[in-house]
Amino acid sequence: MNRIKEVLIEKDLKQVWLAEQLGKSFNMVNGYVQNRRQPSIEDLYKIAEILEVDPRDLLLTKEDQ
């Protein structure tokens, strides 16, 4: 599970924008955001860089669950 949706909301950013920045389709990014699929570790790091957060901030911890 990831926190991409929460970070996008916190930063007032849209999934379409993230998809464009990442070079992925909206459907792929929407799958990440809805936790239907998980990004590869490489994509997770790219997303963190684009969103200017630590990659760990995109992951749920046991305390978050």
Protein backbone atom coordinates (compact mmCIF):
# COMPACT_ATOMS: atom_id res chain seq x y z
CA MET A 1 0.00 0.00 0.00
CA ASN A 2 1.19 3.51 -0.71
CA ARG A 3 0.36 7.11 0.19
CA ILE A 4 0.57 8.65 -3.28
CA LYS A 5 -3.06 9.81 -3.12
CA GLU A 6 -2.54 11.55 0.23
CA VAL A 7 0.62 13.31 -0.95
CA LEU A 8 -1.10 14.51 -4.13
CA ILE A 9 -3.95 15.93 -2.02
CA GLU A 10 -1.52 17.55 0.44
CA LYS A 11 0.31 19.24 -2.45
CA ASP A 12 -2.91 20.08 -4.35
CA LEU A 13 -1.72 18.19 -7.42
CA LYS A 14 -3.70 16.10 -9.91
CA GLN A 15 -3.16 12.57 -11.12
CA VAL A 16 -3.11 13.80 -14.74
CA TRP A 17 -0.19 16.10 -13.91
CA LEU A 18 1.71 13.28 -12.20
CA ALA A 19 1.09 10.98 -15.16
CA GLU A 20 2.51 13.59 -17.54
CA GLN A 21 5.56 14.19 -15.34
CA LEU A 22 6.17 10.47 -14.94
CA GLY A 23 5.62 9.64 -18.61
CA LYS A 24 2.96 7.07 -17.71
CA SER A 25 -0.67 6.79 -18.72
CA PHE A 26 -3.36 8.24 -16.51
CA ASN A 27 -4.75 4.72 -16.02
CA MET A 28 -1.39 3.48 -14.72
CA VAL A 29 -1.05 6.36 -12.26
CA ASN A 30 -4.68 6.00 -11.22
CA GLY A 31 -3.95 2.36 -10.41
CA TYR A 32 -1.09 3.50 -8.16
CA VAL A 33 -3.24 6.16 -6.49
CA GLN A 34 -6.13 3.76 -5.88
CA ASN A 35 -3.73 1.06 -4.64
CA ARG A 36 -4.92 -1.39 -7.29
CA ARG A 37 -1.31 -1.76 -8.39
CA GLN A 38 2.01 -0.79 -6.88
CA PRO A 39 4.75 1.12 -8.71
CA SER A 40 8.10 -0.50 -9.28
CA ILE A 41 10.83 0.66 -6.92
CA GLU A 42 12.28 2.75 -9.76
CA ASP A 43 8.93 4.42 -10.40
CA LEU A 44 8.41 4.96 -6.67
CA TYR A 45 11.70 6.87 -6.54
CA LYS A 46 10.74 8.89 -9.64
CA ILE A 47 7.37 9.75 -8.09
CA ALA A 48 9.08 10.82 -4.87
CA GLU A 49 11.48 13.03 -6.82
CA ILE A 50 8.65 14.61 -8.82
CA LEU A 51 6.60 15.22 -5.66
CA GLU A 52 9.70 16.43 -3.78
CA VAL A 53 9.26 14.00 -0.89
CA ASP A 54 11.36 11.25 0.62
CA PRO A 55 10.43 7.90 -0.96
CA ARG A 56 9.64 6.60 2.52
CA ASP A 57 6.89 9.24 2.77
CA LEU A 58 5.06 7.40 -0.02
CA LEU A 59 4.95 4.11 1.87
CA LEU A 60 2.59 3.10 4.64
CA THR A 61 4.14 1.99 7.88
CA LYS A 62 2.60 -0.53 10.25
CA GLU A 63 1.47 2.41 12.41
CA ASP A 64 -0.36 3.93 9.40
CA GLN A 65 -2.39 0.80 8.76
